[in-house]
């Protein structure tokens, strides 16, 4: 396994990391590994351009402006 050293880690970040690790019953090293694994395994966010046309079948034949107005009226 590789070893990772972090230099000049601010004390406040280390304190929060230590508290988070304790809350999860992990060592600081285990918590850092967990955080990095989650961040690196997370799905890549979609570009707004990739969302173009998403849901168009659901809204086909419906008046979107009327639906928004109806939803806003329900907030009161």
PDB file of N, CA and C in Angstrom:
ATOM      1  N   UNK A   1       0.836  -1.187   0.000  1.00  0.00           N
ATOM      2  CA  UNK A   1       0.000   0.000   0.000  1.00  0.00           C
ATOM      3  C   UNK A   1       0.879   1.248   0.000  1.00  0.00           C
ATOM      4  N   UNK A   2       0.366   2.282  -0.626  1.00  0.00           N
ATOM      5  CA  UNK A   2       1.096   3.544  -0.703  1.00  0.00           C
ATOM      6  C   UNK A   2       0.969   4.320   0.597  1.00  0.00           C
ATOM      7  N   UNK A   3       1.897   5.236   0.789  1.00  0.00           N
ATOM      8  CA  UNK A   3       1.877   6.127   1.951  1.00  0.00           C
ATOM      9  C   UNK A   3       1.697   7.539   1.438  1.00  0.00           C
ATOM     10  N   UNK A   4       0.811   8.278   2.070  1.00  0.00           N
ATOM     11  CA  UNK A   4       0.542   9.660   1.679  1.00  0.00           C
ATOM     12  C   UNK A   4       0.851  10.568   2.862  1.00  0.00           C
ATOM     13  N   UNK A   5       1.735  11.514   2.666  1.00  0.00           N
ATOM     14  CA  UNK A   5       2.054  12.513   3.684  1.00  0.00           C
ATOM     15  C   UNK A   5       1.458  13.838   3.248  1.00  0.00           C
ATOM     16  N   UNK A   6       0.856  14.544   4.172  1.00  0.00           N
ATOM     17  CA  UNK A   6       0.287  15.854   3.879  1.00  0.00           C
ATOM     18  C   UNK A   6       1.036  16.878   4.715  1.00  0.00           C
ATOM     19  N   UNK A   7       1.658  17.819   4.043  1.00  0.00           N
ATOM     20  CA  UNK A   7       2.409  18.860   4.737  1.00  0.00           C
ATOM     21  C   UNK A   7       1.556  20.104   4.864  1.00  0.00           C
ATOM     22  N   UNK A   8       1.785  20.829   5.929  1.00  0.00           N
ATOM     23  CA  UNK A   8       1.133  22.126   6.163  1.00  0.00           C
ATOM     24  C   UNK A   8      -0.388  22.032   6.218  1.00  0.00           C
ATOM     25  N   UNK A   9      -0.898  20.955   6.789  1.00  0.00           N
ATOM     26  CA  UNK A   9      -2.343  20.821   6.979  1.00  0.00           C
ATOM     27  C   UNK A   9      -2.757  21.755   8.105  1.00  0.00           C
ATOM     28  N   UNK A  10      -3.680  22.668   7.839  1.00  0.00           N
ATOM     29  CA  UNK A  10      -4.090  23.602   8.895  1.00  0.00           C
ATOM     30  C   UNK A  10      -4.641  22.869  10.122  1.00  0.00           C
ATOM     31  N   UNK A  11      -4.327  23.389  11.282  1.00  0.00           N
ATOM     32  CA  UNK A  11      -4.760  22.772  12.539  1.00  0.00           C
ATOM     33  C   UNK A  11      -6.270  22.601  12.594  1.00  0.00           C
ATOM     34  N   UNK A  12      -7.011  23.574  12.110  1.00  0.00           N
ATOM     35  CA  UNK A  12      -8.480  23.519  12.165  1.00  0.00           C
ATOM     36  C   UNK A  12      -9.020  22.366  11.322  1.00  0.00           C
ATOM     37  N   UNK A  13      -8.434  22.146  10.168  1.00  0.00           N
ATOM     38  CA  UNK A  13      -8.866  21.022   9.329  1.00  0.00           C
ATOM     39  C   UNK A  13      -8.538  19.703  10.018  1.00  0.00           C
ATOM     40  N   UNK A  14      -7.359  19.610  10.605  1.00  0.00           N
ATOM     41  CA  UNK A  14      -6.985  18.379  11.300  1.00  0.00           C
ATOM     42  C   UNK A  14      -7.918  18.121  12.487  1.00  0.00           C
ATOM     43  N   UNK A  15      -8.269  19.179  13.211  1.00  0.00           N
ATOM     44  CA  UNK A  15      -9.181  19.026  14.349  1.00  0.00           C
ATOM     45  C   UNK A  15     -10.527  18.480  13.876  1.00  0.00           C
ATOM     46  N   UNK A  16     -11.070  19.060  12.807  1.00  0.00           N
ATOM     47  CA  UNK A  16     -12.359  18.591  12.278  1.00  0.00           C
ATOM     48  C   UNK A  16     -12.256  17.152  11.788  1.00  0.00           C
ATOM     49  N   UNK A  17     -11.151  16.834  11.159  1.00  0.00           N
ATOM     50  CA  UNK A  17     -10.927  15.480  10.666  1.00  0.00           C
ATOM     51  C   UNK A  17     -10.853  14.487  11.811  1.00  0.00           C
ATOM     52  N   UNK A  18     -10.141  14.855  12.871  1.00  0.00           N
ATOM     53  CA  UNK A  18     -10.019  13.993  14.048  1.00  0.00           C
ATOM     54  C   UNK A  18     -11.387  13.776  14.698  1.00  0.00           C
ATOM     55  N   UNK A  19     -12.191  14.835  14.805  1.00  0.00           N
ATOM     56  CA  UNK A  19     -13.529  14.715  15.380  1.00  0.00           C
ATOM     57  C   UNK A  19     -14.433  13.830  14.520  1.00  0.00           C
ATOM     58  N   UNK A  20     -14.343  14.035  13.217  1.00  0.00           N
ATOM     59  CA  UNK A  20     -15.153  13.223  12.300  1.00  0.00           C
ATOM     60  C   UNK A  20     -14.754  11.753  12.399  1.00  0.00           C
ATOM     61  N   UNK A  21     -13.463  11.483  12.456  1.00  0.00           N
ATOM     62  CA  UNK A  21     -12.973  10.107  12.586  1.00  0.00           C
ATOM     63  C   UNK A  21     -13.470   9.475  13.879  1.00  0.00           C
ATOM     64  N   UNK A  22     -13.403  10.221  14.964  1.00  0.00           N
ATOM     65  CA  UNK A  22     -13.869   9.700  16.250  1.00  0.00           C
ATOM     66  C   UNK A  22     -15.363   9.389  16.198  1.00  0.00           C
ATOM     67  N   UNK A  23     -16.123  10.245  15.540  1.00  0.00           N
ATOM     68  CA  UNK A  23     -17.567  10.020  15.413  1.00  0.00           C
ATOM     69  C   UNK A  23     -17.900   8.775  14.611  1.00  0.00           C
ATOM     70  N   UNK A  24     -17.005   8.396  13.728  1.00  0.00           N
ATOM     71  CA  UNK A  24     -17.206   7.198  12.903  1.00  0.00           C
ATOM     72  C   UNK A  24     -16.449   5.982  13.441  1.00  0.00           C
ATOM     73  N   UNK A  25     -15.792   6.176  14.586  1.00  0.00           N
ATOM     74  CA  UNK A  25     -14.976   5.125  15.217  1.00  0.00           C
ATOM     75  C   UNK A  25     -13.896   4.620  14.262  1.00  0.00           C
ATOM     76  N   UNK A  26     -13.222   5.597  13.643  1.00  0.00           N
ATOM     77  CA  UNK A  26     -12.114   5.288  12.748  1.00  0.00           C
ATOM     78  C   UNK A  26     -10.890   6.065  13.204  1.00  0.00           C
ATOM     79  N   UNK A  27      -9.737   5.612  12.754  1.00  0.00           N
ATOM     80  CA  UNK A  27      -8.528   6.404  12.965  1.00  0.00           C
ATOM     81  C   UNK A  27      -8.558   7.560  11.972  1.00  0.00           C
ATOM     82  N   UNK A  28      -7.714   8.543  12.187  1.00  0.00           N
ATOM     83  CA  UNK A  28      -7.641   9.667  11.250  1.00  0.00           C
ATOM     84  C   UNK A  28      -7.244   9.146   9.863  1.00  0.00           C
ATOM     85  N   UNK A  29      -6.293   8.243   9.807  1.00  0.00           N
ATOM     86  CA  UNK A  29      -5.857   7.686   8.524  1.00  0.00           C
ATOM     87  C   UNK A  29      -7.005   6.951   7.825  1.00  0.00           C
ATOM     88  N   UNK A  30      -7.775   6.176   8.582  1.00  0.00           N
ATOM     89  CA  UNK A  30      -8.916   5.473   7.994  1.00  0.00           C
ATOM     90  C   UNK A  30      -9.965   6.455   7.486  1.00  0.00           C
ATOM     91  N   UNK A  31     -10.171   7.520   8.235  1.00  0.00           N
ATOM     92  CA  UNK A  31     -11.162   8.518   7.827  1.00  0.00           C
ATOM     93  C   UNK A  31     -10.723   9.231   6.551  1.00  0.00           C
ATOM     94  N   UNK A  32      -9.459   9.589   6.460  1.00  0.00           N
ATOM     95  CA  UNK A  32      -8.940  10.226   5.243  1.00  0.00           C
ATOM     96  C   UNK A  32      -9.108   9.286   4.053  1.00  0.00           C
ATOM     97  N   UNK A  33      -8.781   8.015   4.237  1.00  0.00           N
ATOM     98  CA  UNK A  33      -8.934   7.030   3.168  1.00  0.00           C
ATOM     99  C   UNK A  33     -10.393   6.927   2.746  1.00  0.00           C
ATOM    100  N   UNK A  34     -11.304   6.914   3.716  1.00  0.00           N
ATOM    101  CA  UNK A  34     -12.736   6.824   3.425  1.00  0.00           C
ATOM    102  C   UNK A  34     -13.208   8.057   2.637  1.00  0.00           C
ATOM    103  N   UNK A  35     -12.826   9.239   3.079  1.00  0.00           N
ATOM    104  CA  UNK A  35     -13.220  10.477   2.406  1.00  0.00           C
ATOM    105  C   UNK A  35     -12.694  10.503   0.969  1.00  0.00           C
ATOM    106  N   UNK A  36     -11.427  10.149   0.802  1.00  0.00           N
ATOM    107  CA  UNK A  36     -10.853  10.138  -0.549  1.00  0.00           C
ATOM    108  C   UNK A  36     -11.537   9.116  -1.446  1.00  0.00           C
ATOM    109  N   UNK A  37     -11.808   7.928  -0.923  1.00  0.00           N
ATOM    110  CA  UNK A  37     -12.479   6.899  -1.716  1.00  0.00           C
ATOM    111  C   UNK A  37     -13.871   7.362  -2.151  1.00  0.00           C
ATOM    112  N   UNK A  38     -14.628   7.968  -1.235  1.00  0.00           N
ATOM    113  CA  UNK A  38     -15.964   8.469  -1.589  1.00  0.00           C
ATOM    114  C   UNK A  38     -15.886   9.547  -2.659  1.00  0.00           C
ATOM    115  N   UNK A  39     -14.948  10.459  -2.495  1.00  0.00           N
ATOM    116  CA  UNK A  39     -14.818  11.560  -3.451  1.00  0.00           C
ATOM    117  C   UNK A  39     -14.414  11.055  -4.830  1.00  0.00           C
ATOM    118  N   UNK A  40     -13.534  10.090  -4.871  1.00  0.00           N
ATOM    119  CA  UNK A  40     -13.048   9.594  -6.149  1.00  0.00           C
ATOM    120  C   UNK A  40     -14.005   8.622  -6.816  1.00  0.00           C
ATOM    121  N   UNK A  41     -14.847   7.960  -6.033  1.00  0.00           N
ATOM    122  CA  UNK A  41     -15.817   7.017  -6.586  1.00  0.00           C
ATOM    123  C   UNK A  41     -17.132   7.688  -6.965  1.00  0.00           C
ATOM    124  N   UNK A  42     -17.309   8.941  -6.558  1.00  0.00           N
ATOM    125  CA  UNK A  42     -18.560   9.650  -6.849  1.00  0.00           C
ATOM    126  C   UNK A  42     -18.730   9.788  -8.356  1.00  0.00           C
ATOM    127  N   UNK A  43     -19.966   9.714  -8.783  1.00  0.00           N
ATOM    128  CA  UNK A  43     -20.263   9.864 -10.205  1.00  0.00           C
ATOM    129  C   UNK A  43     -19.893  11.268 -10.671  1.00  0.00           C
ATOM    130  N   UNK A  44     -19.406  11.345 -11.879  1.00  0.00           N
ATOM    131  CA  UNK A  44     -19.081  12.642 -12.450  1.00  0.00           C
ATOM    132  C   UNK A  44     -20.379  13.423 -12.652  1.00  0.00           C
ATOM    133  N   UNK A  45     -20.407  14.688 -12.265  1.00  0.00           N
ATOM    134  CA  UNK A  45     -21.626  15.470 -12.470  1.00  0.00           C
ATOM    135  C   UNK A  45     -21.894  15.666 -13.956  1.00  0.00           C
ATOM    136  N   UNK A  46     -23.172  15.706 -14.288  1.00  0.00           N
ATOM    137  CA  UNK A  46     -23.556  15.917 -15.673  1.00  0.00           C
ATOM    138  C   UNK A  46     -23.399  17.381 -16.045  1.00  0.00           C
ATOM    139  N   UNK A  47     -23.017  17.607 -17.256  1.00  0.00           N
ATOM    140  CA  UNK A  47     -22.977  18.954 -17.794  1.00  0.00           C
ATOM    141  C   UNK A  47     -24.410  19.378 -18.075  1.00  0.00           C
ATOM    142  N   UNK A  48     -24.689  20.658 -17.962  1.00  0.00           N
ATOM    143  CA  UNK A  48     -26.024  21.159 -18.285  1.00  0.00           C
ATOM    144  C   UNK A  48     -26.387  20.814 -19.724  1.00  0.00           C
ATOM    145  N   UNK A  49     -25.396  20.736 -20.584  1.00  0.00           N
ATOM    146  CA  UNK A  49     -25.662  20.379 -21.985  1.00  0.00           C
ATOM    147  C   UNK A  49     -26.121  18.933 -22.121  1.00  0.00           C
ATOM    148  N   UNK A  50     -25.667  18.068 -21.212  1.00  0.00           N
ATOM    149  CA  UNK A  50     -26.088  16.670 -21.257  1.00  0.00           C
ATOM    150  C   UNK A  50     -27.528  16.491 -20.788  1.00  0.00           C
ATOM    151  N   UNK A  51     -28.071  17.485 -20.117  1.00  0.00           N
ATOM    152  CA  UNK A  51     -29.441  17.402 -19.604  1.00  0.00           C
ATOM    153  C   UNK A  51     -30.474  17.876 -20.619  1.00  0.00           C
ATOM    154  N   UNK A  52     -30.004  18.437 -21.727  1.00  0.00           N
ATOM    155  CA  UNK A  52     -30.912  18.961 -22.746  1.00  0.00           C
ATOM    156  C   UNK A  52     -31.887  17.874 -23.202  1.00  0.00           C
ATOM    157  N   UNK A  53     -33.179  18.176 -23.128  1.00  0.00           N
ATOM    158  CA  UNK A  53     -34.207  17.262 -23.591  1.00  0.00           C
ATOM    159  C   UNK A  53     -34.624  16.225 -22.564  1.00  0.00           C
ATOM    160  N   UNK A  54     -33.956  16.189 -21.426  1.00  0.00           N
ATOM    161  CA  UNK A  54     -34.288  15.203 -20.405  1.00  0.00           C
ATOM    162  C   UNK A  54     -35.687  15.479 -19.857  1.00  0.00           C
ATOM    163  N   UNK A  55     -36.549  14.508 -19.892  1.00  0.00           N
ATOM    164  CA  UNK A  55     -37.914  14.653 -19.368  1.00  0.00           C
ATOM    165  C   UNK A  55     -38.906  15.213 -20.360  1.00  0.00           C
ATOM    166  N   UNK A  56     -38.499  15.391 -21.609  1.00  0.00           N
ATOM    167  CA  UNK A  56     -39.417  15.998 -22.572  1.00  0.00           C
ATOM    168  C   UNK A  56     -40.655  15.132 -22.802  1.00  0.00           C
ATOM    169  N   UNK A  57     -40.519  13.827 -22.672  1.00  0.00           N
ATOM    170  CA  UNK A  57     -41.681  12.949 -22.841  1.00  0.00           C
ATOM    171  C   UNK A  57     -42.722  13.209 -21.749  1.00  0.00           C
ATOM    172  N   UNK A  58     -42.242  13.475 -20.553  1.00  0.00           N
ATOM    173  CA  UNK A  58     -43.144  13.711 -19.421  1.00  0.00           C
ATOM    174  C   UNK A  58     -43.928  15.004 -19.584  1.00  0.00           C
ATOM    175  N   UNK A  59     -43.309  16.003 -20.213  1.00  0.00           N
ATOM    176  CA  UNK A  59     -43.943  17.310 -20.363  1.00  0.00           C
ATOM    177  C   UNK A  59     -44.633  17.484 -21.710  1.00  0.00           C
ATOM    178  N   UNK A  60     -44.589  16.484 -22.567  1.00  0.00           N
ATOM    179  CA  UNK A  60     -45.220  16.586 -23.887  1.00  0.00           C
ATOM    180  C   UNK A  60     -46.715  16.869 -23.735  1.00  0.00           C
ATOM    181  N   UNK A  61     -47.182  17.904 -24.422  1.00  0.00           N
ATOM    182  CA  UNK A  61     -48.606  18.240 -24.409  1.00  0.00           C
ATOM    183  C   UNK A  61     -49.070  18.955 -23.155  1.00  0.00           C
ATOM    184  N   UNK A  62     -48.167  19.334 -22.271  1.00  0.00           N
ATOM    185  CA  UNK A  62     -48.545  20.029 -21.040  1.00  0.00           C
ATOM    186  C   UNK A  62     -48.048  21.470 -21.090  1.00  0.00           C
ATOM    187  N   UNK A  63     -48.788  22.340 -20.449  1.00  0.00           N
ATOM    188  CA  UNK A  63     -48.410  23.746 -20.371  1.00  0.00           C
ATOM    189  C   UNK A  63     -47.525  23.928 -19.144  1.00  0.00           C
ATOM    190  N   UNK A  64     -46.222  24.059 -19.374  1.00  0.00           N
ATOM    191  CA  UNK A  64     -45.270  24.152 -18.270  1.00  0.00           C
ATOM    192  C   UNK A  64     -45.519  25.389 -17.418  1.00  0.00           C
ATOM    193  N   UNK A  65     -45.850  26.520 -18.052  1.00  0.00           N
ATOM    194  CA  UNK A  65     -46.099  27.759 -17.307  1.00  0.00           C
ATOM    195  C   UNK A  65     -47.299  27.597 -16.380  1.00  0.00           C
ATOM    196  N   UNK A  66     -48.345  26.934 -16.861  1.00  0.00           N
ATOM    197  CA  UNK A  66     -49.533  26.702 -16.032  1.00  0.00           C
ATOM    198  C   UNK A  66     -49.193  25.780 -14.863  1.00  0.00           C
ATOM    199  N   UNK A  67     -48.369  24.789 -15.112  1.00  0.00           N
ATOM    200  CA  UNK A  67     -47.977  23.854 -14.047  1.00  0.00           C
ATOM    201  C   UNK A  67     -47.154  24.558 -12.976  1.00  0.00           C
ATOM    202  N   UNK A  68     -46.249  25.438 -13.399  1.00  0.00           N
ATOM    203  CA  UNK A  68     -45.440  26.193 -12.446  1.00  0.00           C
ATOM    204  C   UNK A  68     -46.329  27.109 -11.617  1.00  0.00           C
ATOM    205  N   UNK A  69     -47.265  27.781 -12.262  1.00  0.00           N
ATOM    206  CA  UNK A  69     -48.184  28.669 -11.548  1.00  0.00           C
ATOM    207  C   UNK A  69     -49.019  27.886 -10.536  1.00  0.00           C
ATOM    208  N   UNK A  70     -49.490  26.716 -10.933  1.00  0.00           N
ATOM    209  CA  UNK A  70     -50.263  25.853 -10.030  1.00  0.00           C
ATOM    210  C   UNK A  70     -49.427  25.442  -8.819  1.00  0.00           C
ATOM    211  N   UNK A  71     -48.187  25.069  -9.059  1.00  0.00           N
ATOM    212  CA  UNK A  71     -47.300  24.663  -7.970  1.00  0.00           C
ATOM    213  C   UNK A  71     -47.047  25.827  -7.016  1.00  0.00           C
ATOM    214  N   UNK A  72     -46.828  27.010  -7.577  1.00  0.00           N
ATOM    215  CA  UNK A  72     -46.584  28.185  -6.724  1.00  0.00           C
ATOM    216  C   UNK A  72     -47.796  28.532  -5.874  1.00  0.00           C
ATOM    217  N   UNK A  73     -48.985  28.375  -6.422  1.00  0.00           N
ATOM    218  CA  UNK A  73     -50.206  28.639  -5.640  1.00  0.00           C
ATOM    219  C   UNK A  73     -50.336  27.668  -4.462  1.00  0.00           C
ATOM    220  N   UNK A  74     -49.797  26.480  -4.613  1.00  0.00           N
ATOM    221  CA  UNK A  74     -49.910  25.476  -3.534  1.00  0.00           C
ATOM    222  C   UNK A  74     -49.008  25.813  -2.361  1.00  0.00           C
ATOM    223  N   UNK A  75     -48.046  26.733  -2.548  1.00  0.00           N
ATOM    224  CA  UNK A  75     -47.116  27.089  -1.484  1.00  0.00           C
ATOM    225  C   UNK A  75     -47.764  27.967  -0.410  1.00  0.00           C
ATOM    226  N   UNK A  76     -48.853  28.636  -0.753  1.00  0.00           N
ATOM    227  CA  UNK A  76     -49.497  29.562   0.197  1.00  0.00           C
ATOM    228  C   UNK A  76     -50.371  28.857   1.194  1.00  0.00           C
TER     229      UNK A  76
END
